[in-house]
Amino acid sequence: MAESKKDKKQDPALMKPLQPSNGLAAIVGSSPLPRTEVVSKVWEYIKANNLQNPVNKREILADDKLRPAFGGKDKVSMFEMNKHFAQHLS
C-alpha cells in the first residue's frame, strides 16, 4: 500500500542544521539552520528587496549582499540558486 503524504516523514538530511558561510550569513544569520530554513529566509530577502526579474520571474537579480552567495554572479535562475547555497553550507 502506498504511503500518503501525511504518513511520510521529512528527510532528516534536509532538517540537519548547517553552518552558513559568511557570505550567506549576511542574509540568513550566522546560526546553523536546516536547508529548508535557509531557502525560506533567502526567499523572504528576495521578495522584501524586490530582486526577482520583473520580465522573467524565474531569474533572481543579485544585490551586493546576495552576490557572494551566488558565486559572484549578477543573476541566477531560481533552480540554480540551491546549487549555489550548497557551496555555502557546512
N, C-alpha and C. Protein backbone atom coordinates (compact mmCIF):
# COMPACT_ATOMS: atom_id res chain seq x y z
N MET A 1 0.84 -1.18 0.00
CA MET A 1 0.00 0.00 0.00
C MET A 1 0.89 1.25 0.00
N ALA A 2 0.57 2.22 -0.83
CA ALA A 2 1.37 3.45 -0.94
C ALA A 2 1.17 4.33 0.29
N GLU A 3 2.26 5.01 0.68
CA GLU A 3 2.18 5.91 1.83
C GLU A 3 1.47 7.20 1.42
N SER A 4 0.63 7.70 2.28
CA SER A 4 0.04 9.00 2.00
C SER A 4 1.04 10.08 2.40
N LYS A 5 0.83 11.30 1.93
CA LYS A 5 1.75 12.39 2.26
C LYS A 5 1.83 12.60 3.76
N LYS A 6 0.71 12.40 4.44
CA LYS A 6 0.66 12.62 5.89
C LYS A 6 1.57 11.61 6.61
N ASP A 7 1.64 10.38 6.08
CA ASP A 7 2.44 9.33 6.72
C ASP A 7 3.93 9.46 6.45
N LYS A 8 4.29 10.17 5.39
CA LYS A 8 5.70 10.31 5.01
C LYS A 8 6.45 11.17 6.02
N LYS A 9 7.63 10.73 6.40
CA LYS A 9 8.47 11.51 7.29
C LYS A 9 9.35 12.43 6.45
N GLN A 10 9.69 13.62 7.00
CA GLN A 10 10.60 14.51 6.27
C GLN A 10 11.99 13.89 6.26
N ASP A 11 12.72 14.18 5.20
CA ASP A 11 14.08 13.68 5.06
C ASP A 11 14.96 14.30 6.14
N PRO A 12 15.54 13.47 7.02
CA PRO A 12 16.36 14.03 8.10
C PRO A 12 17.56 14.83 7.60
N ALA A 13 18.06 14.52 6.41
CA ALA A 13 19.20 15.26 5.86
C ALA A 13 18.81 16.71 5.59
N LEU A 14 17.56 16.94 5.20
CA LEU A 14 17.11 18.30 4.94
C LEU A 14 16.90 19.09 6.23
N MET A 15 16.69 18.38 7.33
CA MET A 15 16.41 19.05 8.59
C MET A 15 17.66 19.27 9.45
N LYS A 16 18.79 18.71 9.01
CA LYS A 16 20.04 18.84 9.76
C LYS A 16 20.53 20.30 9.70
N PRO A 17 20.74 20.93 10.86
CA PRO A 17 21.24 22.31 10.85
C PRO A 17 22.65 22.39 10.25
N LEU A 18 22.85 23.31 9.34
CA LEU A 18 24.15 23.51 8.68
C LEU A 18 24.62 24.94 8.93
N GLN A 19 25.93 25.10 9.01
CA GLN A 19 26.52 26.41 9.27
C GLN A 19 26.67 27.19 7.96
N PRO A 20 26.02 28.37 7.85
CA PRO A 20 26.19 29.17 6.64
C PRO A 20 27.56 29.85 6.60
N SER A 21 28.10 30.03 5.40
CA SER A 21 29.35 30.77 5.22
C SER A 21 29.10 32.24 5.57
N ASN A 22 30.15 33.02 5.67
CA ASN A 22 29.99 34.46 5.96
C ASN A 22 29.15 35.16 4.90
N GLY A 23 29.34 34.78 3.63
CA GLY A 23 28.59 35.40 2.54
C GLY A 23 27.09 35.14 2.65
N LEU A 24 26.72 33.94 3.01
CA LEU A 24 25.31 33.59 3.15
C LEU A 24 24.76 34.07 4.49
N ALA A 25 25.60 34.11 5.51
CA ALA A 25 25.17 34.56 6.84
C ALA A 25 24.71 36.02 6.83
N ALA A 26 25.19 36.81 5.88
CA ALA A 26 24.77 38.21 5.77
C ALA A 26 23.26 38.29 5.50
N ILE A 27 22.69 37.23 4.96
CA ILE A 27 21.26 37.20 4.64
C ILE A 27 20.46 36.38 5.64
N VAL A 28 20.97 35.20 6.01
CA VAL A 28 20.18 34.28 6.84
C VAL A 28 20.59 34.28 8.32
N GLY A 29 21.65 34.99 8.66
CA GLY A 29 22.14 34.97 10.05
C GLY A 29 23.25 33.95 10.19
N SER A 30 23.98 34.02 11.30
CA SER A 30 25.17 33.17 11.45
C SER A 30 24.91 31.87 12.21
N SER A 31 23.69 31.65 12.69
CA SER A 31 23.38 30.41 13.41
C SER A 31 23.15 29.27 12.43
N PRO A 32 23.49 28.04 12.83
CA PRO A 32 23.20 26.88 11.97
C PRO A 32 21.70 26.74 11.72
N LEU A 33 21.34 26.44 10.48
CA LEU A 33 19.94 26.32 10.06
C LEU A 33 19.76 25.12 9.14
N PRO A 34 18.57 24.49 9.14
CA PRO A 34 18.30 23.45 8.14
C PRO A 34 18.21 24.10 6.75
N ARG A 35 18.50 23.33 5.71
CA ARG A 35 18.44 23.85 4.33
C ARG A 35 17.10 24.50 4.03
N THR A 36 16.03 23.88 4.49
CA THR A 36 14.70 24.40 4.21
C THR A 36 14.54 25.81 4.77
N GLU A 37 15.10 26.05 5.94
CA GLU A 37 15.02 27.37 6.58
C GLU A 37 15.89 28.38 5.83
N VAL A 38 17.05 27.94 5.35
CA VAL A 38 17.95 28.82 4.58
C VAL A 38 17.22 29.31 3.33
N VAL A 39 16.64 28.38 2.59
CA VAL A 39 15.92 28.73 1.36
C VAL A 39 14.77 29.67 1.67
N SER A 40 14.03 29.39 2.73
CA SER A 40 12.91 30.23 3.12
C SER A 40 13.35 31.66 3.45
N LYS A 41 14.44 31.79 4.21
CA LYS A 41 14.95 33.12 4.59
C LYS A 41 15.48 33.89 3.37
N VAL A 42 16.12 33.18 2.45
CA VAL A 42 16.63 33.84 1.25
C VAL A 42 15.45 34.34 0.41
N TRP A 43 14.38 33.53 0.30
CA TRP A 43 13.20 33.98 -0.46
C TRP A 43 12.56 35.19 0.20
N GLU A 44 12.52 35.23 1.53
CA GLU A 44 12.00 36.41 2.23
C GLU A 44 12.82 37.64 1.84
N TYR A 45 14.15 37.47 1.81
CA TYR A 45 15.05 38.57 1.46
C TYR A 45 14.82 39.02 0.00
N ILE A 46 14.70 38.04 -0.90
CA ILE A 46 14.49 38.34 -2.32
C ILE A 46 13.20 39.14 -2.51
N LYS A 47 12.13 38.69 -1.87
CA LYS A 47 10.83 39.37 -2.02
C LYS A 47 10.84 40.74 -1.35
N ALA A 48 11.46 40.84 -0.16
CA ALA A 48 11.50 42.12 0.56
C ALA A 48 12.28 43.18 -0.22
N ASN A 49 13.29 42.72 -0.99
CA ASN A 49 14.14 43.65 -1.73
C ASN A 49 13.83 43.68 -3.22
N ASN A 50 12.72 43.06 -3.61
CA ASN A 50 12.26 43.09 -5.00
C ASN A 50 13.37 42.65 -5.97
N LEU A 51 13.94 41.48 -5.73
CA LEU A 51 15.08 41.01 -6.53
C LEU A 51 14.71 39.98 -7.61
N GLN A 52 13.41 39.73 -7.81
CA GLN A 52 13.01 38.87 -8.92
C GLN A 52 12.94 39.74 -10.17
N ASN A 53 13.47 39.21 -11.27
CA ASN A 53 13.41 39.92 -12.54
C ASN A 53 11.94 40.08 -12.92
N PRO A 54 11.44 41.32 -13.09
CA PRO A 54 10.02 41.50 -13.42
C PRO A 54 9.63 40.91 -14.77
N VAL A 55 10.58 40.80 -15.68
CA VAL A 55 10.30 40.24 -17.02
C VAL A 55 10.30 38.72 -16.98
N ASN A 56 11.22 38.13 -16.20
CA ASN A 56 11.34 36.67 -16.08
C ASN A 56 11.41 36.34 -14.60
N LYS A 57 10.29 35.98 -13.99
CA LYS A 57 10.20 35.75 -12.54
C LYS A 57 11.08 34.60 -12.06
N ARG A 58 11.55 33.76 -12.97
CA ARG A 58 12.43 32.65 -12.58
C ARG A 58 13.87 33.11 -12.34
N GLU A 59 14.16 34.34 -12.70
CA GLU A 59 15.51 34.89 -12.53
C GLU A 59 15.59 35.73 -11.26
N ILE A 60 16.64 35.50 -10.49
CA ILE A 60 16.88 36.28 -9.28
C ILE A 60 18.05 37.22 -9.57
N LEU A 61 17.85 38.51 -9.33
CA LEU A 61 18.88 39.52 -9.57
C LEU A 61 19.62 39.75 -8.25
N ALA A 62 20.92 39.55 -8.25
CA ALA A 62 21.70 39.66 -7.02
C ALA A 62 22.03 41.11 -6.70
N ASP A 63 21.88 41.47 -5.43
CA ASP A 63 22.37 42.76 -4.96
C ASP A 63 23.72 42.50 -4.29
N ASP A 64 24.31 43.52 -3.68
CA ASP A 64 25.64 43.37 -3.10
C ASP A 64 25.69 42.31 -1.99
N LYS A 65 24.59 42.16 -1.24
CA LYS A 65 24.54 41.18 -0.16
C LYS A 65 24.38 39.76 -0.69
N LEU A 66 23.63 39.59 -1.76
CA LEU A 66 23.32 38.27 -2.30
C LEU A 66 24.39 37.74 -3.26
N ARG A 67 25.11 38.66 -3.90
CA ARG A 67 26.11 38.27 -4.91
C ARG A 67 27.14 37.25 -4.40
N PRO A 68 27.71 37.41 -3.17
CA PRO A 68 28.67 36.40 -2.70
C PRO A 68 28.06 35.00 -2.59
N ALA A 69 26.80 34.91 -2.21
CA ALA A 69 26.14 33.61 -2.10
C ALA A 69 25.87 32.99 -3.47
N PHE A 70 25.86 33.81 -4.52
CA PHE A 70 25.64 33.34 -5.88
C PHE A 70 26.95 33.19 -6.65
N GLY A 71 28.05 33.07 -5.95
CA GLY A 71 29.33 32.88 -6.60
C GLY A 71 29.77 34.07 -7.43
N GLY A 72 29.34 35.27 -7.05
CA GLY A 72 29.73 36.48 -7.75
C GLY A 72 28.87 36.82 -8.95
N LYS A 73 27.88 35.97 -9.26
CA LYS A 73 27.02 36.22 -10.43
C LYS A 73 26.02 37.33 -10.13
N ASP A 74 25.65 38.08 -11.17
CA ASP A 74 24.66 39.15 -11.04
C ASP A 74 23.23 38.63 -11.07
N LYS A 75 23.04 37.46 -11.70
CA LYS A 75 21.71 36.86 -11.71
C LYS A 75 21.83 35.35 -11.84
N VAL A 76 20.88 34.64 -11.23
CA VAL A 76 20.82 33.18 -11.34
C VAL A 76 19.35 32.80 -11.47
N SER A 77 19.12 31.61 -12.01
CA SER A 77 17.74 31.12 -12.08
C SER A 77 17.38 30.57 -10.70
N MET A 78 16.10 30.53 -10.39
CA MET A 78 15.69 30.02 -9.09
C MET A 78 16.07 28.54 -8.93
N PHE A 79 16.24 27.83 -10.04
CA PHE A 79 16.62 26.42 -9.99
C PHE A 79 18.11 26.27 -9.67
N GLU A 80 18.90 27.21 -10.12
CA GLU A 80 20.35 27.22 -9.93
C GLU A 80 20.71 27.68 -8.50
N MET A 81 19.80 28.41 -7.88
CA MET A 81 20.05 29.03 -6.58
C MET A 81 20.48 28.02 -5.51
N ASN A 82 19.77 26.90 -5.40
CA ASN A 82 20.10 25.91 -4.36
C ASN A 82 21.48 25.30 -4.56
N LYS A 83 21.90 25.17 -5.82
CA LYS A 83 23.24 24.65 -6.11
C LYS A 83 24.30 25.58 -5.51
N HIS A 84 24.06 26.88 -5.62
CA HIS A 84 25.00 27.85 -5.05
C HIS A 84 24.99 27.79 -3.52
N PHE A 85 23.82 27.61 -2.92
CA PHE A 85 23.74 27.55 -1.46
C PHE A 85 24.52 26.34 -0.92
N ALA A 86 24.52 25.24 -1.64
CA ALA A 86 25.22 24.03 -1.19
C ALA A 86 26.70 24.32 -0.92
N GLN A 87 27.28 25.23 -1.68
CA GLN A 87 28.69 25.58 -1.50
C GLN A 87 28.92 26.48 -0.29
N HIS A 88 27.83 27.00 0.28
CA HIS A 88 27.93 27.93 1.41
C HIS A 88 27.41 27.35 2.71
N LEU A 89 27.12 26.04 2.72
CA LEU A 89 26.62 25.39 3.92
C LEU A 89 27.52 24.22 4.29
N SER A 90 27.88 24.15 5.57
CA SER A 90 28.73 23.02 6.00
C SER A 90 28.27 22.49 7.34
